[in-house]
Amino acid sequence: MATRHDFAPLFRSSIGFDRMLDALEAASRLDTPDKWPPYDIVKTGEDDYRIDMAVAGFTENDLTLTQDKNMLIVSGHREDSDKDGNSYLYRGIAGRSFERRFELADHVRVEGASLSDGLLTVKLKREIPEELRPRRIEIASQASDKGGQPAQITTSSGREPAAA
């Protein structure tokens, strides 16, 4: 029995988190996802990530990686290997077609991918644009606005008050 979560209270009390809440809602709607091919997601640094996917039997030509906005799509399709003239007595290495989708956060880009020993490695990096990074804002004092002279307190008549 699947449990449905109501995200309506979060939509009512948050601003600017639409994508995150939509992703949570979409994840709750998923049926049992296909668990093939197996993969790992590794955080290798503060802003660096890696996806390792076991794709034994696939070559670089059989695999396609596509980044469309905030979605990384990894798909694989092998040509039928019966054409090679061999007759298999047992086929235990899975070679079925697949498509795996990964939702990427804002400002995450794919740096590269490599295939070695049946393991597809996709390197990801989060790069926050300079205009979105935290910055220190200098606070100007009134003294610096008047050429370095300290501000004088004046009365409503414009005269300085008498010294006490």
C-alpha atoms as a PDB file:
ATOM      1  CA  MET A   1       0.000   0.000   0.000  1.00  0.00           C
ATOM      2  CA  ALA A   2       1.489   3.326  -1.076  1.00  0.00           C
ATOM      3  CA  THR A   3       1.335   6.321   1.218  1.00  0.00           C
ATOM      4  CA  ARG A   4       0.521   9.639  -0.440  1.00  0.00           C
ATOM      5  CA  HIS A   5       1.909  12.811   1.089  1.00  0.00           C
ATOM      6  CA  ASP A   6       0.045  16.091   0.936  1.00  0.00           C
ATOM      7  CA  PHE A   7       2.466  18.877   0.029  1.00  0.00           C
ATOM      8  CA  ALA A   8      -0.216  21.591   0.039  1.00  0.00           C
ATOM      9  CA  PRO A   9       0.916  23.062   3.408  1.00  0.00           C
ATOM     10  CA  LEU A  10       4.434  23.463   2.016  1.00  0.00           C
ATOM     11  CA  PHE A  11       3.134  25.228  -1.100  1.00  0.00           C
ATOM     12  CA  ARG A  12       1.152  27.625   1.120  1.00  0.00           C
ATOM     13  CA  SER A  13       4.070  28.556   3.350  1.00  0.00           C
ATOM     14  CA  SER A  14       7.066  28.686   1.011  1.00  0.00           C
ATOM     15  CA  ILE A  15       8.128  31.000  -1.745  1.00  0.00           C
ATOM     16  CA  GLY A  16      10.642  30.143  -4.428  1.00  0.00           C
ATOM     17  CA  PHE A  17      10.839  26.415  -3.661  1.00  0.00           C
ATOM     18  CA  ASP A  18       8.481  25.385  -6.466  1.00  0.00           C
ATOM     19  CA  ARG A  19      11.000  23.162  -8.285  1.00  0.00           C
ATOM     20  CA  MET A  20      11.982  21.333  -5.106  1.00  0.00           C
ATOM     21  CA  LEU A  21       8.378  20.741  -4.094  1.00  0.00           C
ATOM     22  CA  ASP A  22       7.480  19.621  -7.613  1.00  0.00           C
ATOM     23  CA  ALA A  23      10.405  17.157  -7.498  1.00  0.00           C
ATOM     24  CA  LEU A  24       9.189  15.783  -4.149  1.00  0.00           C
ATOM     25  CA  GLU A  25       5.683  15.411  -5.487  1.00  0.00           C
ATOM     26  CA  ALA A  26       6.939  13.678  -8.655  1.00  0.00           C
ATOM     27  CA  ALA A  27       9.105  11.330  -6.595  1.00  0.00           C
ATOM     28  CA  SER A  28       6.132  10.348  -4.461  1.00  0.00           C
ATOM     29  CA  ARG A  29       4.136   9.458  -7.609  1.00  0.00           C
ATOM     30  CA  LEU A  30       6.782   7.071  -8.960  1.00  0.00           C
ATOM     31  CA  ASP A  31       5.954   3.424  -8.943  1.00  0.00           C
ATOM     32  CA  THR A  32       8.672   0.972  -8.045  1.00  0.00           C
ATOM     33  CA  PRO A  33      11.447   2.151 -10.326  1.00  0.00           C
ATOM     34  CA  ASP A  34      13.506  -0.214 -12.428  1.00  0.00           C
ATOM     35  CA  LYS A  35      16.697  -0.882 -10.513  1.00  0.00           C
ATOM     36  CA  TRP A  36      18.782  -1.622 -13.589  1.00  0.00           C
ATOM     37  CA  PRO A  37      21.499  -0.649 -14.239  1.00  0.00           C
ATOM     38  CA  PRO A  38      22.791  -0.181 -10.692  1.00  0.00           C
ATOM     39  CA  TYR A  39      24.496   3.106  -9.899  1.00  0.00           C
ATOM     40  CA  ASP A  40      26.153   5.102  -7.129  1.00  0.00           C
ATOM     41  CA  ILE A  41      26.032   8.854  -6.530  1.00  0.00           C
ATOM     42  CA  VAL A  42      29.158  10.096  -4.777  1.00  0.00           C
ATOM     43  CA  LYS A  43      29.935  13.546  -3.370  1.00  0.00           C
ATOM     44  CA  THR A  44      33.658  13.982  -4.058  1.00  0.00           C
ATOM     45  CA  GLY A  45      34.046  17.588  -2.884  1.00  0.00           C
ATOM     46  CA  GLU A  46      32.083  20.587  -1.687  1.00  0.00           C
ATOM     47  CA  ASP A  47      30.737  21.254  -5.202  1.00  0.00           C
ATOM     48  CA  ASP A  48      31.796  18.068  -7.013  1.00  0.00           C
ATOM     49  CA  TYR A  49      29.749  14.924  -7.595  1.00  0.00           C
ATOM     50  CA  ARG A  50      30.146  11.676  -9.499  1.00  0.00           C
ATOM     51  CA  ILE A  51      27.709   9.082 -10.814  1.00  0.00           C
ATOM     52  CA  ASP A  52      29.119   5.575 -11.254  1.00  0.00           C
ATOM     53  CA  MET A  53      26.885   3.267 -13.288  1.00  0.00           C
ATOM     54  CA  ALA A  54      27.521  -0.436 -13.943  1.00  0.00           C
ATOM     55  CA  VAL A  55      27.008  -0.946 -17.688  1.00  0.00           C
ATOM     56  CA  ALA A  56      28.878  -4.188 -18.383  1.00  0.00           C
ATOM     57  CA  GLY A  57      28.723  -5.210 -22.013  1.00  0.00           C
ATOM     58  CA  PHE A  58      28.009  -1.695 -23.333  1.00  0.00           C
ATOM     59  CA  THR A  59      30.511   0.303 -25.392  1.00  0.00           C
ATOM     60  CA  GLU A  60      30.828   4.071 -25.784  1.00  0.00           C
ATOM     61  CA  ASN A  61      28.787   3.812 -28.999  1.00  0.00           C
ATOM     62  CA  ASP A  62      25.938   2.046 -27.168  1.00  0.00           C
ATOM     63  CA  LEU A  63      25.560   4.791 -24.536  1.00  0.00           C
ATOM     64  CA  THR A  64      24.072   8.276 -24.834  1.00  0.00           C
ATOM     65  CA  LEU A  65      24.292  11.057 -22.243  1.00  0.00           C
ATOM     66  CA  THR A  66      22.095  14.120 -22.638  1.00  0.00           C
ATOM     67  CA  GLN A  67      21.713  17.145 -20.368  1.00  0.00           C
ATOM     68  CA  ASP A  68      18.490  19.033 -20.984  1.00  0.00           C
ATOM     69  CA  LYS A  69      18.212  21.960 -18.580  1.00  0.00           C
ATOM     70  CA  ASN A  70      18.170  20.323 -15.133  1.00  0.00           C
ATOM     71  CA  MET A  71      17.755  16.744 -16.326  1.00  0.00           C
ATOM     72  CA  LEU A  72      20.592  14.315 -17.062  1.00  0.00           C
ATOM     73  CA  ILE A  73      19.459  11.377 -19.180  1.00  0.00           C
ATOM     74  CA  VAL A  74      21.683   8.320 -19.507  1.00  0.00           C
ATOM     75  CA  SER A  75      20.457   5.754 -22.000  1.00  0.00           C
ATOM     76  CA  GLY A  76      21.902   2.596 -23.451  1.00  0.00           C
ATOM     77  CA  HIS A  77      20.935   0.460 -26.405  1.00  0.00           C
ATOM     78  CA  ARG A  78      22.945  -2.528 -27.588  1.00  0.00           C
ATOM     79  CA  GLU A  79      22.581  -3.992 -31.020  1.00  0.00           C
ATOM     80  CA  ASP A  80      21.392  -7.588 -31.020  1.00  0.00           C
ATOM     81  CA  SER A  81      24.547  -9.643 -30.493  1.00  0.00           C
ATOM     82  CA  ASP A  82      23.002 -12.746 -32.121  1.00  0.00           C
ATOM     83  CA  LYS A  83      24.127 -11.222 -35.408  1.00  0.00           C
ATOM     84  CA  ASP A  84      27.743 -12.064 -34.560  1.00  0.00           C
ATOM     85  CA  GLY A  85      27.125 -15.711 -35.481  1.00  0.00           C
ATOM     86  CA  ASN A  86      27.564 -17.071 -31.965  1.00  0.00           C
ATOM     87  CA  SER A  87      25.018 -19.307 -30.314  1.00  0.00           C
ATOM     88  CA  TYR A  88      24.589 -18.543 -26.605  1.00  0.00           C
ATOM     89  CA  LEU A  89      23.951 -21.455 -24.251  1.00  0.00           C
ATOM     90  CA  TYR A  90      23.319 -19.059 -21.350  1.00  0.00           C
ATOM     91  CA  ARG A  91      23.113 -15.274 -21.364  1.00  0.00           C
ATOM     92  CA  GLY A  92      23.654 -13.828 -17.878  1.00  0.00           C
ATOM     93  CA  ILE A  93      25.044 -10.409 -18.751  1.00  0.00           C
ATOM     94  CA  ALA A  94      22.099  -8.070 -19.032  1.00  0.00           C
ATOM     95  CA  GLY A  95      22.147  -6.151 -22.264  1.00  0.00           C
ATOM     96  CA  ARG A  96      18.662  -4.742 -22.352  1.00  0.00           C
ATOM     97  CA  SER A  97      18.056  -1.139 -23.286  1.00  0.00           C
ATOM     98  CA  PHE A  98      17.662   1.352 -20.470  1.00  0.00           C
ATOM     99  CA  GLU A  99      17.071   5.005 -19.743  1.00  0.00           C
ATOM    100  CA  ARG A 100      17.983   6.488 -16.377  1.00  0.00           C
ATOM    101  CA  ARG A 101      17.050  10.084 -15.483  1.00  0.00           C
ATOM    102  CA  PHE A 102      18.726  12.241 -12.856  1.00  0.00           C
ATOM    103  CA  GLU A 103      17.225  15.558 -11.728  1.00  0.00           C
ATOM    104  CA  LEU A 104      20.065  18.067 -11.348  1.00  0.00           C
ATOM    105  CA  ALA A 105      19.976  21.062  -9.051  1.00  0.00           C
ATOM    106  CA  ASP A 106      20.332  24.558 -10.465  1.00  0.00           C
ATOM    107  CA  HIS A 107      23.844  25.409 -11.668  1.00  0.00           C
ATOM    108  CA  VAL A 108      25.016  21.766 -11.813  1.00  0.00           C
ATOM    109  CA  ARG A 109      26.705  20.885 -15.087  1.00  0.00           C
ATOM    110  CA  VAL A 110      28.230  17.733 -16.507  1.00  0.00           C
ATOM    111  CA  GLU A 111      32.013  18.056 -16.691  1.00  0.00           C
ATOM    112  CA  GLY A 112      32.639  14.804 -18.541  1.00  0.00           C
ATOM    113  CA  ALA A 113      32.071  11.084 -18.741  1.00  0.00           C
ATOM    114  CA  SER A 114      34.273   8.035 -19.156  1.00  0.00           C
ATOM    115  CA  LEU A 115      33.765   4.295 -19.579  1.00  0.00           C
ATOM    116  CA  SER A 116      36.278   1.888 -18.082  1.00  0.00           C
ATOM    117  CA  ASP A 117      35.954  -1.797 -17.149  1.00  0.00           C
ATOM    118  CA  GLY A 118      32.155  -1.740 -17.524  1.00  0.00           C
ATOM    119  CA  LEU A 119      31.759   1.283 -15.255  1.00  0.00           C
ATOM    120  CA  LEU A 120      30.387   4.541 -16.673  1.00  0.00           C
ATOM    121  CA  THR A 121      31.608   7.520 -14.645  1.00  0.00           C
ATOM    122  CA  VAL A 122      29.883  10.902 -15.031  1.00  0.00           C
ATOM    123  CA  LYS A 123      31.521  13.887 -13.311  1.00  0.00           C
ATOM    124  CA  LEU A 124      29.293  16.752 -12.197  1.00  0.00           C
ATOM    125  CA  LYS A 125      30.150  20.167 -10.802  1.00  0.00           C
ATOM    126  CA  ARG A 126      27.988  22.814  -9.165  1.00  0.00           C
ATOM    127  CA  GLU A 127      29.048  26.283 -10.300  1.00  0.00           C
ATOM    128  CA  ILE A 128      27.154  29.137  -8.735  1.00  0.00           C
ATOM    129  CA  PRO A 129      27.377  32.255 -10.917  1.00  0.00           C
ATOM    130  CA  GLU A 130      29.284  35.179  -9.429  1.00  0.00           C
ATOM    131  CA  GLU A 131      26.146  37.328  -9.216  1.00  0.00           C
ATOM    132  CA  LEU A 132      24.424  34.685  -7.062  1.00  0.00           C
ATOM    133  CA  ARG A 133      27.298  34.090  -4.649  1.00  0.00           C
ATOM    134  CA  PRO A 134      27.212  35.713  -1.229  1.00  0.00           C
ATOM    135  CA  ARG A 135      28.999  39.048  -1.177  1.00  0.00           C
ATOM    136  CA  ARG A 136      29.927  41.479   1.534  1.00  0.00           C
ATOM    137  CA  ILE A 137      28.229  44.855   1.340  1.00  0.00           C
ATOM    138  CA  GLU A 138      30.144  47.774   2.798  1.00  0.00           C
ATOM    139  CA  ILE A 139      28.219  50.018   5.159  1.00  0.00           C
ATOM    140  CA  ALA A 140      28.877  53.687   4.576  1.00  0.00           C
ATOM    141  CA  SER A 141      28.863  56.017   7.554  1.00  0.00           C
ATOM    142  CA  GLN A 142      27.541  59.560   7.464  1.00  0.00           C
ATOM    143  CA  ALA A 143      31.022  60.833   8.311  1.00  0.00           C
ATOM    144  CA  SER A 144      32.424  59.364   5.122  1.00  0.00           C
ATOM    145  CA  ASP A 145      29.605  60.969   3.135  1.00  0.00           C
ATOM    146  CA  LYS A 146      30.623  64.473   4.336  1.00  0.00           C
ATOM    147  CA  GLY A 147      34.262  64.330   3.326  1.00  0.00           C
ATOM    148  CA  GLY A 148      35.527  62.752   6.523  1.00  0.00           C
ATOM    149  CA  GLN A 149      34.112  65.478   8.820  1.00  0.00           C
ATOM    150  CA  PRO A 150      32.071  64.234  11.765  1.00  0.00           C
ATOM    151  CA  ALA A 151      28.398  65.070  11.551  1.00  0.00           C
ATOM    152  CA  GLN A 152      27.324  68.153  13.544  1.00  0.00           C
ATOM    153  CA  ILE A 153      24.095  68.205  15.476  1.00  0.00           C
ATOM    154  CA  THR A 154      22.099  71.314  14.749  1.00  0.00           C
ATOM    155  CA  THR A 155      18.954  72.751  16.245  1.00  0.00           C
ATOM    156  CA  SER A 156      15.776  73.480  14.332  1.00  0.00           C
ATOM    157  CA  SER A 157      17.008  77.036  13.794  1.00  0.00           C
ATOM    158  CA  GLY A 158      20.126  75.710  12.084  1.00  0.00           C
ATOM    159  CA  ARG A 159      22.508  76.801  14.906  1.00  0.00           C
ATOM    160  CA  GLU A 160      24.796  74.468  16.787  1.00  0.00           C
ATOM    161  CA  PRO A 161      23.682  73.901  20.382  1.00  0.00           C
ATOM    162  CA  ALA A 162      25.643  75.607  23.120  1.00  0.00           C
ATOM    163  CA  ALA A 163      28.420  73.583  24.730  1.00  0.00           C
ATOM    164  CA  ALA A 164      27.556  72.298  28.165  1.00  0.00           C
END
